[in-house]
Protein backbone atom coordinates (compact mmCIF):
# COMPACT_ATOMS: atom_id res chain seq x y z
CA UNK A 1 0.04 -0.18 0.01
CA UNK A 2 1.39 3.24 -1.04
CA UNK A 3 0.93 6.49 1.13
CA UNK A 4 0.53 9.67 -0.64
CA UNK A 5 1.47 12.69 1.46
CA UNK A 6 -1.32 15.14 1.79
CA UNK A 7 -0.29 18.94 1.41
CA UNK A 8 0.34 19.36 5.17
CA UNK A 9 2.16 16.28 5.34
CA UNK A 10 -0.32 14.13 6.89
CA UNK A 11 -0.60 10.70 4.91
CA UNK A 12 -3.57 9.73 3.16
CA UNK A 13 -3.17 6.05 1.83
CA UNK A 14 -3.75 5.30 -1.90
CA UNK A 15 -6.24 2.75 -0.49
CA UNK A 16 -8.04 5.37 1.49
CA UNK A 17 -8.44 7.65 -1.36
CA UNK A 18 -9.83 4.80 -3.52
CA UNK A 19 -12.32 4.11 -1.13
CA UNK A 20 -13.40 7.43 -0.88
CA UNK A 21 -13.90 7.46 -4.75
CA UNK A 22 -15.42 4.06 -4.66
CA UNK A 23 -17.80 4.89 -2.03
CA UNK A 24 -18.80 8.53 -2.80
CA UNK A 25 -18.03 9.02 -6.60
CA UNK A 26 -21.28 7.95 -7.84
CA UNK A 27 -23.37 10.29 -5.38
CA UNK A 28 -21.05 13.19 -6.17
CA UNK A 29 -21.41 12.78 -9.92
CA UNK A 30 -25.18 13.01 -9.64
CA UNK A 31 -25.00 16.10 -7.25
CA UNK A 32 -22.65 17.80 -9.65
CA UNK A 33 -24.89 16.66 -12.86
CA UNK A 34 -27.86 18.16 -10.88
CA UNK A 35 -25.81 21.77 -10.96
CA UNK A 36 -24.26 21.56 -14.09
CA UNK A 37 -26.42 19.81 -16.49
CA UNK A 38 -23.27 18.44 -18.52
CA UNK A 39 -21.85 15.00 -18.06
CA UNK A 40 -18.18 16.23 -18.96
CA UNK A 41 -18.34 19.35 -16.49
CA UNK A 42 -19.65 16.99 -13.85
CA UNK A 43 -16.87 14.69 -14.31
CA UNK A 44 -14.35 17.52 -14.02
CA UNK A 45 -15.96 18.71 -11.02
CA UNK A 46 -16.04 15.32 -9.30
CA UNK A 47 -12.19 15.26 -10.08
CA UNK A 48 -11.77 18.55 -8.53
CA UNK A 49 -13.65 17.76 -5.47
CA UNK A 50 -11.50 14.84 -4.80
CA UNK A 51 -8.36 16.83 -5.67
CA UNK A 52 -9.54 19.36 -3.14
CA UNK A 53 -10.61 16.80 -0.69
CA UNK A 54 -7.19 15.21 -0.81
CA UNK A 55 -5.28 18.37 -0.36
CA UNK A 56 -7.40 19.78 2.23
CA UNK A 57 -7.81 15.92 4.07
CA UNK A 58 -6.13 17.30 7.55
CA UNK A 59 -8.62 19.92 7.72
CA UNK A 60 -11.79 17.69 8.08
CA UNK A 61 -12.51 17.74 11.60
CA UNK A 62 -15.08 15.04 11.73
CA UNK A 63 -18.00 17.52 12.86
CA UNK A 64 -19.93 16.35 9.77
CA UNK A 65 -20.18 12.83 7.73
CA UNK A 66 -17.35 12.43 5.29
CA UNK A 67 -20.23 12.38 2.74
CA UNK A 68 -21.52 15.74 3.73
CA UNK A 69 -17.98 17.14 3.64
CA UNK A 70 -17.24 15.86 0.35
CA UNK A 71 -20.78 16.96 -1.01
CA UNK A 72 -20.10 20.45 0.40
CA UNK A 73 -16.82 20.57 -1.49
CA UNK A 74 -18.47 19.10 -4.52
CA UNK A 75 -21.44 21.92 -4.42
CA UNK A 76 -18.92 24.70 -4.07
CA UNK A 77 -16.92 23.49 -6.88
CA UNK A 78 -19.88 23.41 -9.26
CA UNK A 79 -20.90 26.90 -7.90
CA UNK A 80 -17.33 28.17 -8.92
CA UNK A 81 -17.80 26.49 -12.38
CA UNK A 82 -21.35 28.23 -12.95
CA UNK A 83 -19.85 31.72 -11.97
CA UNK A 84 -16.86 31.09 -14.38
CA UNK A 85 -16.94 33.17 -17.41
CA UNK A 86 -16.05 30.27 -19.48
CA UNK A 87 -18.96 28.28 -18.08
CA UNK A 88 -21.46 31.28 -18.79
CA UNK A 89 -20.40 30.90 -22.70
CA UNK A 90 -20.84 26.94 -22.94
CA UNK A 91 -23.96 25.40 -24.27
CA UNK A 92 -25.96 23.49 -21.97
CA UNK A 93 -26.42 20.03 -22.87
CA UNK A 94 -29.25 18.13 -21.41
CA UNK A 95 -27.87 14.48 -20.50
CA UNK A 96 -28.67 14.84 -16.94
CA UNK A 97 -31.71 12.79 -17.28
CA UNK A 98 -29.81 9.56 -18.31
CA UNK A 99 -27.45 9.59 -15.29
CA UNK A 100 -29.93 10.54 -12.58
CA UNK A 101 -32.66 8.18 -13.45
CA UNK A 102 -32.33 4.50 -12.18
CA UNK A 103 -33.05 1.39 -14.20
CA UNK A 104 -35.84 0.41 -11.84
CA UNK A 105 -37.77 3.80 -12.26
CA UNK A 106 -41.55 3.91 -13.13
CA UNK A 107 -42.62 6.21 -15.80
CA UNK A 108 -44.42 8.20 -12.65
CA UNK A 109 -40.87 8.55 -10.95
CA UNK A 110 -39.28 9.60 -14.14
CA UNK A 111 -41.78 12.32 -14.81
CA UNK A 112 -41.20 13.73 -11.32
CA UNK A 113 -37.74 13.71 -11.63
CA UNK A 114 -38.09 15.88 -15.22
CA UNK A 115 -40.27 18.07 -13.42
CA UNK A 116 -37.92 18.55 -10.45
CA UNK A 117 -35.10 19.34 -12.93
CA UNK A 118 -37.07 21.98 -14.21
CA UNK A 119 -37.62 23.87 -10.88
CA UNK A 120 -35.71 26.71 -9.94
CA UNK A 121 -32.13 25.91 -8.91
CA UNK A 122 -32.78 26.51 -4.97
CA UNK A 123 -35.74 24.13 -4.69
CA UNK A 124 -34.32 21.71 -7.22
CA UNK A 125 -30.98 21.14 -5.24
CA UNK A 126 -32.75 21.19 -1.80
CA UNK A 127 -35.21 18.58 -3.10
CA UNK A 128 -32.76 16.35 -4.72
CA UNK A 129 -30.52 16.15 -1.89
CA UNK A 130 -33.12 15.49 0.71
CA UNK A 131 -35.21 12.71 -1.47
CA UNK A 132 -32.59 11.13 -3.63
CA UNK A 133 -29.26 11.59 -2.08
CA UNK A 134 -31.25 11.02 1.54
CA UNK A 135 -29.36 14.09 3.38
CA UNK A 136 -31.03 15.51 6.21
CA UNK A 137 -32.02 18.96 6.63
CA UNK A 138 -29.14 19.74 9.07
CA UNK A 139 -26.71 18.32 6.59
CA UNK A 140 -28.17 20.15 3.57
CA UNK A 141 -27.89 23.58 5.51
CA UNK A 142 -24.36 22.83 6.13
CA UNK A 143 -23.65 22.09 2.65
CA UNK A 144 -25.60 25.04 1.40
CA UNK A 145 -24.43 27.43 4.21
CA UNK A 146 -27.88 28.36 5.08
CA UNK A 147 -30.03 28.15 8.31
CA UNK A 148 -31.76 24.73 8.87
CA UNK A 149 -35.17 26.72 9.17
CA UNK A 150 -34.44 27.79 5.37
CA UNK A 151 -33.88 24.54 4.14
CA UNK A 152 -37.13 23.66 5.56
CA UNK A 153 -38.80 26.41 3.86
CA UNK A 154 -37.18 25.88 0.54
CA UNK A 155 -38.48 22.08 1.03
CA UNK A 156 -41.94 23.08 1.75
CA UNK A 157 -41.93 25.63 -1.41
CA UNK A 158 -40.32 23.21 -3.46
CA UNK A 159 -42.76 20.58 -3.06
CA UNK A 160 -45.61 22.90 -3.59
CA UNK A 161 -43.97 24.20 -6.70
CA UNK A 162 -43.21 20.69 -7.81
CA UNK A 163 -46.79 19.66 -7.35
CA UNK A 164 -47.93 22.23 -9.44
CA UNK A 165 -45.70 21.45 -12.38
CA UNK A 166 -46.91 17.74 -12.12
CA UNK A 167 -50.47 18.49 -11.27
CA UNK A 168 -52.63 17.13 -8.59
CA UNK A 169 -53.73 18.19 -4.90
CA UNK A 170 -50.22 17.58 -3.12
CA UNK A 171 -49.69 14.70 -0.77
CA UNK A 172 -52.92 13.09 -1.83
CA UNK A 173 -51.41 12.31 -5.20
CA UNK A 174 -48.64 10.58 -3.90
CA UNK A 175 -46.06 13.29 -4.20
CA UNK A 176 -43.94 11.87 -1.14
CA UNK A 177 -44.14 8.27 -2.79
CA UNK A 178 -42.96 9.71 -6.01
CA UNK A 179 -39.99 11.35 -4.28
CA UNK A 180 -39.19 8.56 -1.65
CA UNK A 181 -40.15 8.50 1.98
CA UNK A 182 -39.93 11.48 3.85
CA UNK A 183 -37.01 11.63 6.22
CA UNK A 184 -37.08 13.68 9.67
CA UNK A 185 -34.47 16.24 9.35
């Protein structure tokens, strides 16, 4: 096993880095694709996420889960990419649907996902992280650097907006079942 010295001299083994990539890579890819809507750019963002995590591994204090820490880095990388001049000049490619949908999704679940992806960014991100990636409101608040009460409000408004998009009268039509089981935040 080869040990790779981190930027501050603390060692991160090759096996440990490989474990992090294997364990969190797919989830980070989905989060990055959610933001960037371009497969190649999302791959770049995931690679940059792991590079930044590697360089700052010693700063991980364990106050949140490793998954939450990595997702926070990924979200920040994506936001930086979206704000760059080069990104604003690129044409958006809509290949997110293929990556985000799973093989065992029903047509209704696919329709909900498609409607979710059309929501404003603030709702789309919170709903996706909560229902598809199964983060708690507290974890989402940490990632987005918002108050937990703000995240709960965004979830509520996002559900309402999504419900209007897909039609029906809210939970009576099974929105919760389409999005997954509600978690306690």
